[in-house]
PDB file of N, CA and C in Angstrom:
ATOM      1  N   UNK A   1     102.569  99.769 134.648  1.00  0.00           N
ATOM      2  CA  UNK A   1     101.155  99.872 133.981  1.00  0.00           C
ATOM      3  C   UNK A   1     100.127  99.705 135.150  1.00  0.00           C
ATOM      4  N   UNK A   2      99.135 100.560 135.161  1.00  0.00           N
ATOM      5  CA  UNK A   2      97.952 100.238 136.043  1.00  0.00           C
ATOM      6  C   UNK A   2      97.016  99.198 135.578  1.00  0.00           C
ATOM      7  N   UNK A   3      96.410  98.446 136.277  1.00  0.00           N
ATOM      8  CA  UNK A   3      95.385  97.515 135.618  1.00  0.00           C
ATOM      9  C   UNK A   3      94.138  98.259 135.695  1.00  0.00           C
ATOM     10  N   UNK A   4      93.062  97.379 135.292  1.00  0.00           N
ATOM     11  CA  UNK A   4      91.702  97.632 135.289  1.00  0.00           C
ATOM     12  C   UNK A   4      91.148  97.778 136.570  1.00  0.00           C
ATOM     13  N   UNK A   5      91.623  97.098 137.486  1.00  0.00           N
ATOM     14  CA  UNK A   5      91.088  97.086 138.877  1.00  0.00           C
ATOM     15  C   UNK A   5      91.463  98.396 139.562  1.00  0.00           C
ATOM     16  N   UNK A   6      92.791  98.794 139.324  1.00  0.00           N
ATOM     17  CA  UNK A   6      93.278 100.037 139.765  1.00  0.00           C
ATOM     18  C   UNK A   6      92.668 101.178 139.366  1.00  0.00           C
ATOM     19  N   UNK A   7      92.221 101.226 138.083  1.00  0.00           N
ATOM     20  CA  UNK A   7      91.375 102.417 137.378  1.00  0.00           C
ATOM     21  C   UNK A   7      90.135 101.921 136.766  1.00  0.00           C
ATOM     22  N   UNK A   8      89.105 101.892 137.768  1.00  0.00           N
ATOM     23  CA  UNK A   8      87.851 101.373 137.360  1.00  0.00           C
ATOM     24  C   UNK A   8      87.123 102.331 136.394  1.00  0.00           C
ATOM     25  N   UNK A   9      87.683 103.588 136.464  1.00  0.00           N
ATOM     26  CA  UNK A   9      86.921 104.700 135.386  1.00  0.00           C
ATOM     27  C   UNK A   9      87.390 104.613 134.001  1.00  0.00           C
ATOM     28  N   UNK A  10      87.924 103.485 133.768  1.00  0.00           N
ATOM     29  CA  UNK A  10      88.593 103.253 132.397  1.00  0.00           C
ATOM     30  C   UNK A  10      87.483 102.757 131.426  1.00  0.00           C
ATOM     31  N   UNK A  11      87.202 103.712 130.475  1.00  0.00           N
ATOM     32  CA  UNK A  11      86.374 103.508 129.427  1.00  0.00           C
ATOM     33  C   UNK A  11      86.873 103.905 128.161  1.00  0.00           C
ATOM     34  N   UNK A  12      85.957 103.061 126.934  1.00  0.00           N
ATOM     35  CA  UNK A  12      86.650 103.686 125.675  1.00  0.00           C
ATOM     36  C   UNK A  12      86.615 105.043 125.332  1.00  0.00           C
ATOM     37  N   UNK A  13      87.452 105.584 124.550  1.00  0.00           N
ATOM     38  CA  UNK A  13      87.535 107.176 124.508  1.00  0.00           C
ATOM     39  C   UNK A  13      86.289 107.536 123.514  1.00  0.00           C
ATOM     40  N   UNK A  14      86.135 106.614 122.546  1.00  0.00           N
ATOM     41  CA  UNK A  14      85.307 106.819 121.562  1.00  0.00           C
ATOM     42  C   UNK A  14      83.682 106.676 121.991  1.00  0.00           C
ATOM     43  N   UNK A  15      83.512 105.478 122.434  1.00  0.00           N
ATOM     44  CA  UNK A  15      82.016 104.862 122.747  1.00  0.00           C
ATOM     45  C   UNK A  15      81.693 104.993 123.952  1.00  0.00           C
ATOM     46  N   UNK A  16      82.683 105.130 125.034  1.00  0.00           N
ATOM     47  CA  UNK A  16      82.201 104.905 126.198  1.00  0.00           C
ATOM     48  C   UNK A  16      82.049 103.745 127.199  1.00  0.00           C
ATOM     49  N   UNK A  17      81.934 102.502 126.237  1.00  0.00           N
ATOM     50  CA  UNK A  17      82.131 101.148 126.787  1.00  0.00           C
ATOM     51  C   UNK A  17      83.271 101.142 127.751  1.00  0.00           C
ATOM     52  N   UNK A  18      82.966 100.199 128.646  1.00  0.00           N
ATOM     53  CA  UNK A  18      83.849  99.918 130.082  1.00  0.00           C
ATOM     54  C   UNK A  18      84.777  98.826 129.576  1.00  0.00           C
ATOM     55  N   UNK A  19      84.735  98.138 128.691  1.00  0.00           N
ATOM     56  CA  UNK A  19      85.716  97.054 127.889  1.00  0.00           C
ATOM     57  C   UNK A  19      86.874  97.831 127.384  1.00  0.00           C
ATOM     58  N   UNK A  20      88.078  97.973 127.901  1.00  0.00           N
ATOM     59  CA  UNK A  20      88.946  98.710 127.310  1.00  0.00           C
ATOM     60  C   UNK A  20      90.204  97.618 127.170  1.00  0.00           C
ATOM     61  N   UNK A  21      90.535  97.486 125.782  1.00  0.00           N
ATOM     62  CA  UNK A  21      91.547  96.508 125.492  1.00  0.00           C
ATOM     63  C   UNK A  21      92.870  97.186 124.889  1.00  0.00           C
ATOM     64  N   UNK A  22      92.790  98.430 124.508  1.00  0.00           N
ATOM     65  CA  UNK A  22      93.807  99.026 123.908  1.00  0.00           C
ATOM     66  C   UNK A  22      94.226 100.244 124.172  1.00  0.00           C
ATOM     67  N   UNK A  23      95.410 100.800 124.069  1.00  0.00           N
ATOM     68  CA  UNK A  23      95.728 102.118 124.614  1.00  0.00           C
ATOM     69  C   UNK A  23      96.892 102.858 123.656  1.00  0.00           C
ATOM     70  N   UNK A  24      96.709 103.801 123.196  1.00  0.00           N
ATOM     71  CA  UNK A  24      97.621 104.774 122.522  1.00  0.00           C
ATOM     72  C   UNK A  24      97.781 106.071 123.221  1.00  0.00           C
ATOM     73  N   UNK A  25      98.517 106.820 122.429  1.00  0.00           N
ATOM     74  CA  UNK A  25      98.853 108.369 122.823  1.00  0.00           C
ATOM     75  C   UNK A  25      98.387 109.235 121.742  1.00  0.00           C
ATOM     76  N   UNK A  26      97.690 110.303 122.325  1.00  0.00           N
ATOM     77  CA  UNK A  26      97.268 111.431 121.123  1.00  0.00           C
ATOM     78  C   UNK A  26      97.287 112.513 121.811  1.00  0.00           C
ATOM     79  N   UNK A  27      98.174 113.427 121.200  1.00  0.00           N
ATOM     80  CA  UNK A  27      98.431 114.898 121.841  1.00  0.00           C
ATOM     81  C   UNK A  27      98.715 114.853 123.091  1.00  0.00           C
ATOM     82  N   UNK A  28      99.655 113.960 123.544  1.00  0.00           N
ATOM     83  CA  UNK A  28     100.303 113.844 124.625  1.00  0.00           C
ATOM     84  C   UNK A  28      99.216 113.092 125.917  1.00  0.00           C
ATOM     85  N   UNK A  29      98.126 112.491 125.405  1.00  0.00           N
ATOM     86  CA  UNK A  29      97.002 112.014 126.248  1.00  0.00           C
ATOM     87  C   UNK A  29      96.926 110.669 125.937  1.00  0.00           C
ATOM     88  N   UNK A  30      96.882 109.657 126.948  1.00  0.00           N
ATOM     89  CA  UNK A  30      96.471 108.439 126.703  1.00  0.00           C
ATOM     90  C   UNK A  30      95.122 108.124 126.511  1.00  0.00           C
ATOM     91  N   UNK A  31      94.861 107.429 125.147  1.00  0.00           N
ATOM     92  CA  UNK A  31      93.682 107.377 125.013  1.00  0.00           C
ATOM     93  C   UNK A  31      93.111 105.671 125.052  1.00  0.00           C
ATOM     94  N   UNK A  32      92.350 105.489 125.500  1.00  0.00           N
ATOM     95  CA  UNK A  32      91.679 104.117 125.782  1.00  0.00           C
ATOM     96  C   UNK A  32      90.960 103.608 124.759  1.00  0.00           C
ATOM     97  N   UNK A  33      90.610 102.395 124.287  1.00  0.00           N
ATOM     98  CA  UNK A  33      89.989 102.210 123.024  1.00  0.00           C
ATOM     99  C   UNK A  33      89.407 100.504 123.563  1.00  0.00           C
ATOM    100  N   UNK A  34      88.219 100.346 123.125  1.00  0.00           N
ATOM    101  CA  UNK A  34      87.651  98.889 122.842  1.00  0.00           C
ATOM    102  C   UNK A  34      88.022  98.326 121.612  1.00  0.00           C
ATOM    103  N   UNK A  35      87.803  97.064 121.441  1.00  0.00           N
ATOM    104  CA  UNK A  35      88.355  96.345 120.351  1.00  0.00           C
ATOM    105  C   UNK A  35      87.768  96.908 119.066  1.00  0.00           C
ATOM    106  N   UNK A  36      86.373  97.275 118.957  1.00  0.00           N
ATOM    107  CA  UNK A  36      85.845  97.744 117.813  1.00  0.00           C
ATOM    108  C   UNK A  36      86.385  98.953 117.521  1.00  0.00           C
ATOM    109  N   UNK A  37      86.311 100.122 118.249  1.00  0.00           N
ATOM    110  CA  UNK A  37      87.018 101.239 118.080  1.00  0.00           C
ATOM    111  C   UNK A  37      88.457 101.363 117.724  1.00  0.00           C
ATOM    112  N   UNK A  38      89.309 100.428 118.388  1.00  0.00           N
ATOM    113  CA  UNK A  38      90.435 100.249 118.181  1.00  0.00           C
ATOM    114  C   UNK A  38      90.818  99.835 116.649  1.00  0.00           C
ATOM    115  N   UNK A  39      90.003  98.843 116.211  1.00  0.00           N
ATOM    116  CA  UNK A  39      89.946  98.512 114.704  1.00  0.00           C
ATOM    117  C   UNK A  39      89.675  99.539 113.693  1.00  0.00           C
ATOM    118  N   UNK A  40      89.050 100.707 114.199  1.00  0.00           N
ATOM    119  CA  UNK A  40      88.601 101.615 113.368  1.00  0.00           C
ATOM    120  C   UNK A  40      89.251 103.012 113.617  1.00  0.00           C
ATOM    121  N   UNK A  41      90.278 102.994 114.385  1.00  0.00           N
ATOM    122  CA  UNK A  41      90.888 104.005 114.964  1.00  0.00           C
ATOM    123  C   UNK A  41      91.511 104.721 113.716  1.00  0.00           C
ATOM    124  N   UNK A  42      91.181 106.034 113.157  1.00  0.00           N
ATOM    125  CA  UNK A  42      91.657 106.533 112.140  1.00  0.00           C
ATOM    126  C   UNK A  42      93.180 106.459 112.093  1.00  0.00           C
ATOM    127  N   UNK A  43      94.078 107.090 112.893  1.00  0.00           N
ATOM    128  CA  UNK A  43      95.590 107.017 112.557  1.00  0.00           C
ATOM    129  C   UNK A  43      95.931 105.682 112.249  1.00  0.00           C
ATOM    130  N   UNK A  44      95.257 104.581 112.761  1.00  0.00           N
ATOM    131  CA  UNK A  44      95.858 103.322 112.424  1.00  0.00           C
ATOM    132  C   UNK A  44      95.189 102.773 110.964  1.00  0.00           C
ATOM    133  N   UNK A  45      94.211 103.388 110.797  1.00  0.00           N
ATOM    134  CA  UNK A  45      93.294 102.714 109.415  1.00  0.00           C
ATOM    135  C   UNK A  45      94.153 103.657 108.531  1.00  0.00           C
ATOM    136  N   UNK A  46      94.580 104.682 108.555  1.00  0.00           N
ATOM    137  CA  UNK A  46      95.245 105.695 107.610  1.00  0.00           C
ATOM    138  C   UNK A  46      96.803 105.074 107.293  1.00  0.00           C
ATOM    139  N   UNK A  47      97.246 104.672 108.417  1.00  0.00           N
ATOM    140  CA  UNK A  47      98.538 104.130 108.246  1.00  0.00           C
ATOM    141  C   UNK A  47      98.467 102.800 107.312  1.00  0.00           C
ATOM    142  N   UNK A  48      97.501 102.002 107.822  1.00  0.00           N
ATOM    143  CA  UNK A  48      97.223 100.748 107.100  1.00  0.00           C
ATOM    144  C   UNK A  48      97.143 100.911 105.579  1.00  0.00           C
ATOM    145  N   UNK A  49      96.334 102.003 105.399  1.00  0.00           N
ATOM    146  CA  UNK A  49      96.041 102.118 103.928  1.00  0.00           C
ATOM    147  C   UNK A  49      97.230 102.628 103.123  1.00  0.00           C
ATOM    148  N   UNK A  50      98.156 103.631 103.970  1.00  0.00           N
ATOM    149  CA  UNK A  50      99.263 103.721 103.135  1.00  0.00           C
ATOM    150  C   UNK A  50     100.266 102.691 102.964  1.00  0.00           C
ATOM    151  N   UNK A  51     100.137 101.797 103.868  1.00  0.00           N
ATOM    152  CA  UNK A  51     101.187 100.803 103.666  1.00  0.00           C
ATOM    153  C   UNK A  51     100.639  99.855 102.826  1.00  0.00           C
ATOM    154  N   UNK A  52      99.250  99.545 102.510  1.00  0.00           N
ATOM    155  CA  UNK A  52      98.697  98.577 101.636  1.00  0.00           C
ATOM    156  C   UNK A  52      98.990  99.267 100.204  1.00  0.00           C
ATOM    157  N   UNK A  53      98.933 100.584 100.099  1.00  0.00           N
ATOM    158  CA  UNK A  53      98.974 101.130  98.804  1.00  0.00           C
ATOM    159  C   UNK A  53     100.566 101.046  98.175  1.00  0.00           C
ATOM    160  N   UNK A  54     101.280 101.126  99.063  1.00  0.00           N
ATOM    161  CA  UNK A  54     102.874 100.977  98.725  1.00  0.00           C
ATOM    162  C   UNK A  54     103.241  99.611  98.563  1.00  0.00           C
ATOM    163  N   UNK A  55     103.153  98.755  99.594  1.00  0.00           N
ATOM    164  CA  UNK A  55     103.563  97.597  99.821  1.00  0.00           C
ATOM    165  C   UNK A  55     102.680  96.488  98.541  1.00  0.00           C
ATOM    166  N   UNK A  56     101.418  96.774  98.659  1.00  0.00           N
ATOM    167  CA  UNK A  56     100.476  96.163  97.772  1.00  0.00           C
ATOM    168  C   UNK A  56     100.961  96.385  96.314  1.00  0.00           C
ATOM    169  N   UNK A  57     101.091  97.608  95.934  1.00  0.00           N
ATOM    170  CA  UNK A  57     101.424  97.922  94.535  1.00  0.00           C
ATOM    171  C   UNK A  57     102.658  97.140  94.198  1.00  0.00           C
ATOM    172  N   UNK A  58     103.693  97.157  95.013  1.00  0.00           N
ATOM    173  CA  UNK A  58     105.111  96.476  94.837  1.00  0.00           C
ATOM    174  C   UNK A  58     104.744  94.884  94.514  1.00  0.00           C
ATOM    175  N   UNK A  59     104.127  94.369  95.586  1.00  0.00           N
ATOM    176  CA  UNK A  59     103.697  92.952  95.225  1.00  0.00           C
ATOM    177  C   UNK A  59     102.900  92.505  94.303  1.00  0.00           C
ATOM    178  N   UNK A  60     102.027  93.255  93.840  1.00  0.00           N
ATOM    179  CA  UNK A  60     101.086  93.107  92.626  1.00  0.00           C
ATOM    180  C   UNK A  60     102.033  93.304  91.356  1.00  0.00           C
ATOM    181  N   UNK A  61     102.842  94.260  91.399  1.00  0.00           N
ATOM    182  CA  UNK A  61     103.725  94.369  90.268  1.00  0.00           C
ATOM    183  C   UNK A  61     104.644  92.962  90.306  1.00  0.00           C
ATOM    184  N   UNK A  62     105.293  92.530  91.222  1.00  0.00           N
ATOM    185  CA  UNK A  62     106.062  91.431  91.367  1.00  0.00           C
ATOM    186  C   UNK A  62     105.224  90.174  90.809  1.00  0.00           C
ATOM    187  N   UNK A  63     104.329  89.918  91.457  1.00  0.00           N
ATOM    188  CA  UNK A  63     103.464  88.636  91.253  1.00  0.00           C
ATOM    189  C   UNK A  63     102.561  88.673  90.128  1.00  0.00           C
ATOM    190  N   UNK A  64     102.196  89.765  89.498  1.00  0.00           N
ATOM    191  CA  UNK A  64     101.322  89.774  88.403  1.00  0.00           C
ATOM    192  C   UNK A  64     101.561  90.690  87.289  1.00  0.00           C
ATOM    193  N   UNK A  65     102.803  91.475  87.256  1.00  0.00           N
ATOM    194  CA  UNK A  65     103.139  92.488  86.490  1.00  0.00           C
ATOM    195  C   UNK A  65     103.224  92.000  84.939  1.00  0.00           C
ATOM    196  N   UNK A  66     103.369  90.868  84.566  1.00  0.00           N
ATOM    197  CA  UNK A  66     103.598  90.372  83.151  1.00  0.00           C
ATOM    198  C   UNK A  66     101.940  90.188  82.562  1.00  0.00           C
ATOM    199  N   UNK A  67     101.245  89.856  83.576  1.00  0.00           N
ATOM    200  CA  UNK A  67      99.795  89.610  83.082  1.00  0.00           C
ATOM    201  C   UNK A  67      98.889  91.031  83.107  1.00  0.00           C
ATOM    202  N   UNK A  68      99.391  92.102  83.738  1.00  0.00           N
ATOM    203  CA  UNK A  68      98.946  93.420  83.430  1.00  0.00           C
ATOM    204  C   UNK A  68      99.422  93.869  82.149  1.00  0.00           C
ATOM    205  N   UNK A  69     100.645  93.691  81.737  1.00  0.00           N
ATOM    206  CA  UNK A  69     100.953  94.039  80.385  1.00  0.00           C
ATOM    207  C   UNK A  69     100.377  93.484  79.333  1.00  0.00           C
ATOM    208  N   UNK A  70     100.246  92.178  79.371  1.00  0.00           N
ATOM    209  CA  UNK A  70     100.106  91.284  78.264  1.00  0.00           C
ATOM    210  C   UNK A  70      98.428  90.635  78.415  1.00  0.00           C
ATOM    211  N   UNK A  71      97.870  90.778  79.447  1.00  0.00           N
ATOM    212  CA  UNK A  71      96.621  90.142  79.597  1.00  0.00           C
ATOM    213  C   UNK A  71      96.575  88.575  79.675  1.00  0.00           C
ATOM    214  N   UNK A  72      95.274  88.180  79.703  1.00  0.00           N
ATOM    215  CA  UNK A  72      94.109  88.853  79.767  1.00  0.00           C
ATOM    216  C   UNK A  72      93.829  88.952  81.248  1.00  0.00           C
ATOM    217  N   UNK A  73      92.924  90.290  81.339  1.00  0.00           N
ATOM    218  CA  UNK A  73      92.451  90.872  82.662  1.00  0.00           C
ATOM    219  C   UNK A  73      91.332  90.225  82.988  1.00  0.00           C
ATOM    220  N   UNK A  74      91.331  88.929  83.730  1.00  0.00           N
ATOM    221  CA  UNK A  74      90.329  88.191  84.211  1.00  0.00           C
ATOM    222  C   UNK A  74      89.817  88.563  85.638  1.00  0.00           C
ATOM    223  N   UNK A  75      88.607  88.123  85.975  1.00  0.00           N
ATOM    224  CA  UNK A  75      88.217  88.065  87.194  1.00  0.00           C
ATOM    225  C   UNK A  75      89.152  87.666  88.384  1.00  0.00           C
ATOM    226  N   UNK A  76      89.853  86.563  88.049  1.00  0.00           N
ATOM    227  CA  UNK A  76      90.788  85.903  88.924  1.00  0.00           C
ATOM    228  C   UNK A  76      91.842  86.872  89.201  1.00  0.00           C
ATOM    229  N   UNK A  77      92.401  87.507  88.213  1.00  0.00           N
ATOM    230  CA  UNK A  77      93.483  88.586  88.300  1.00  0.00           C
ATOM    231  C   UNK A  77      92.898  89.624  89.227  1.00  0.00           C
ATOM    232  N   UNK A  78      91.671  89.995  89.153  1.00  0.00           N
ATOM    233  CA  UNK A  78      91.210  91.288  89.931  1.00  0.00           C
ATOM    234  C   UNK A  78      91.061  90.777  91.468  1.00  0.00           C
ATOM    235  N   UNK A  79      90.481  89.492  91.447  1.00  0.00           N
ATOM    236  CA  UNK A  79      90.413  88.959  92.974  1.00  0.00           C
ATOM    237  C   UNK A  79      91.835  88.861  93.588  1.00  0.00           C
ATOM    238  N   UNK A  80      92.830  88.357  92.837  1.00  0.00           N
ATOM    239  CA  UNK A  80      94.386  88.191  93.429  1.00  0.00           C
ATOM    240  C   UNK A  80      94.729  89.621  93.575  1.00  0.00           C
ATOM    241  N   UNK A  81      94.714  90.306  92.830  1.00  0.00           N
ATOM    242  CA  UNK A  81      95.320  91.829  92.900  1.00  0.00           C
ATOM    243  C   UNK A  81      94.772  92.437  94.120  1.00  0.00           C
ATOM    244  N   UNK A  82      93.070  92.299  94.451  1.00  0.00           N
ATOM    245  CA  UNK A  82      92.672  92.764  95.747  1.00  0.00           C
ATOM    246  C   UNK A  82      93.160  92.346  96.908  1.00  0.00           C
ATOM    247  N   UNK A  83      93.332  90.871  96.916  1.00  0.00           N
ATOM    248  CA  UNK A  83      94.008  90.254  98.220  1.00  0.00           C
ATOM    249  C   UNK A  83      95.605  90.663  98.151  1.00  0.00           C
ATOM    250  N   UNK A  84      96.175  90.988  97.061  1.00  0.00           N
ATOM    251  CA  UNK A  84      97.436  91.358  97.343  1.00  0.00           C
ATOM    252  C   UNK A  84      97.450  92.662  98.179  1.00  0.00           C
ATOM    253  N   UNK A  85      96.663  93.390  97.807  1.00  0.00           N
ATOM    254  CA  UNK A  85      96.542  94.717  98.922  1.00  0.00           C
ATOM    255  C   UNK A  85      95.989  94.604 100.245  1.00  0.00           C
ATOM    256  N   UNK A  86      95.189  93.463 100.359  1.00  0.00           N
ATOM    257  CA  UNK A  86      94.489  93.307 101.519  1.00  0.00           C
ATOM    258  C   UNK A  86      95.582  92.827 102.738  1.00  0.00           C
ATOM    259  N   UNK A  87      96.549  92.197 102.110  1.00  0.00           N
ATOM    260  CA  UNK A  87      97.443  91.320 103.076  1.00  0.00           C
ATOM    261  C   UNK A  87      98.335  92.430 103.753  1.00  0.00           C
ATOM    262  N   UNK A  88      98.984  93.489 103.272  1.00  0.00           N
ATOM    263  CA  UNK A  88      99.717  94.407 103.809  1.00  0.00           C
ATOM    264  C   UNK A  88      98.873  95.008 104.834  1.00  0.00           C
ATOM    265  N   UNK A  89      97.648  95.425 104.509  1.00  0.00           N
ATOM    266  CA  UNK A  89      96.759  96.347 105.364  1.00  0.00           C
ATOM    267  C   UNK A  89      96.596  95.597 106.545  1.00  0.00           C
ATOM    268  N   UNK A  90      96.272  94.158 106.366  1.00  0.00           N
ATOM    269  CA  UNK A  90      96.052  93.295 107.778  1.00  0.00           C
ATOM    270  C   UNK A  90      97.173  93.278 108.438  1.00  0.00           C
ATOM    271  N   UNK A  91      98.495  93.138 107.837  1.00  0.00           N
ATOM    272  CA  UNK A  91      99.536  92.984 108.929  1.00  0.00           C
ATOM    273  C   UNK A  91      99.865  94.436 109.682  1.00  0.00           C
ATOM    274  N   UNK A  92      99.455  95.384 108.871  1.00  0.00           N
ATOM    275  CA  UNK A  92      99.833  96.752 109.253  1.00  0.00           C
ATOM    276  C   UNK A  92      98.848  96.881 110.393  1.00  0.00           C
ATOM    277  N   UNK A  93      97.598  96.625 110.455  1.00  0.00           N
ATOM    278  CA  UNK A  93      96.652  96.645 111.684  1.00  0.00           C
ATOM    279  C   UNK A  93      96.973  95.422 112.752  1.00  0.00           C
ATOM    280  N   UNK A  94      97.468  94.585 112.289  1.00  0.00           N
ATOM    281  CA  UNK A  94      97.578  93.467 113.421  1.00  0.00           C
ATOM    282  C   UNK A  94      98.864  94.193 114.298  1.00  0.00           C
ATOM    283  N   UNK A  95      99.934  94.726 113.547  1.00  0.00           N
ATOM    284  CA  UNK A  95     100.773  95.054 114.279  1.00  0.00           C
ATOM    285  C   UNK A  95     100.446  96.363 115.092  1.00  0.00           C
ATOM    286  N   UNK A  96      99.672  97.294 114.525  1.00  0.00           N
ATOM    287  CA  UNK A  96      99.225  98.430 115.577  1.00  0.00           C
ATOM    288  C   UNK A  96      98.356  97.907 116.961  1.00  0.00           C
ATOM    289  N   UNK A  97      97.456  96.914 116.439  1.00  0.00           N
ATOM    290  CA  UNK A  97      96.722  96.488 117.402  1.00  0.00           C
ATOM    291  C   UNK A  97      97.335  95.461 118.488  1.00  0.00           C
ATOM    292  N   UNK A  98      98.384  94.711 118.114  1.00  0.00           N
ATOM    293  CA  UNK A  98      99.338  94.115 119.037  1.00  0.00           C
ATOM    294  C   UNK A  98     100.150  94.900 119.780  1.00  0.00           C
ATOM    295  N   UNK A  99     100.574  95.998 119.512  1.00  0.00           N
ATOM    296  CA  UNK A  99     101.657  96.692 119.991  1.00  0.00           C
ATOM    297  C   UNK A  99     100.798  97.567 121.136  1.00  0.00           C
ATOM    298  N   UNK A 100      99.585  97.906 120.799  1.00  0.00           N
ATOM    299  CA  UNK A 100      98.860  98.752 121.652  1.00  0.00           C
ATOM    300  C   UNK A 100      97.931  97.690 122.655  1.00  0.00           C
ATOM    301  N   UNK A 101      97.897  96.570 122.511  1.00  0.00           N
ATOM    302  CA  UNK A 101      96.994  95.679 123.522  1.00  0.00           C
ATOM    303  C   UNK A 101      97.639  96.112 124.878  1.00  0.00           C
ATOM    304  N   UNK A 102      96.353  96.112 125.753  1.00  0.00           N
ATOM    305  CA  UNK A 102      96.599  96.191 127.232  1.00  0.00           C
ATOM    306  C   UNK A 102      96.396  94.725 127.935  1.00  0.00           C
ATOM    307  N   UNK A 103      97.672  94.309 128.496  1.00  0.00           N
ATOM    308  CA  UNK A 103      97.553  93.127 129.295  1.00  0.00           C
ATOM    309  C   UNK A 103      97.124  93.416 130.709  1.00  0.00           C
ATOM    310  N   UNK A 104      96.071  93.031 131.135  1.00  0.00           N
ATOM    311  CA  UNK A 104      95.615  93.000 132.573  1.00  0.00           C
ATOM    312  C   UNK A 104      96.131  92.158 133.259  1.00  0.00           C
ATOM    313  N   UNK A 105      96.511  92.224 134.611  1.00  0.00           N
ATOM    314  CA  UNK A 105      97.102  91.153 135.425  1.00  0.00           C
ATOM    315  C   UNK A 105      95.798  90.472 136.087  1.00  0.00           C
TER     316      UNK A 105
END
């Protein structure tokens, strides 16, 4: 893997910033991304949302299922359910960002 010193022209594919920390491949092309654009990179966000919907639903039913059926539906239940969906999304994004991080020498 080439370092940033060997490739001084590396800029973020989306915004053009010279700070490149992540890379991925799109249509057989290497795409370089800054931290902000990597966190908003559509394929990773879409995958995170899909993961959150599937895993979050399973976890919500396991953790809160009886309360959904019998009640009461409190603010606390809504907050806990929201957090139940946030965790798989965060884990999915963390995995995508960790796997694509560029380590400069």
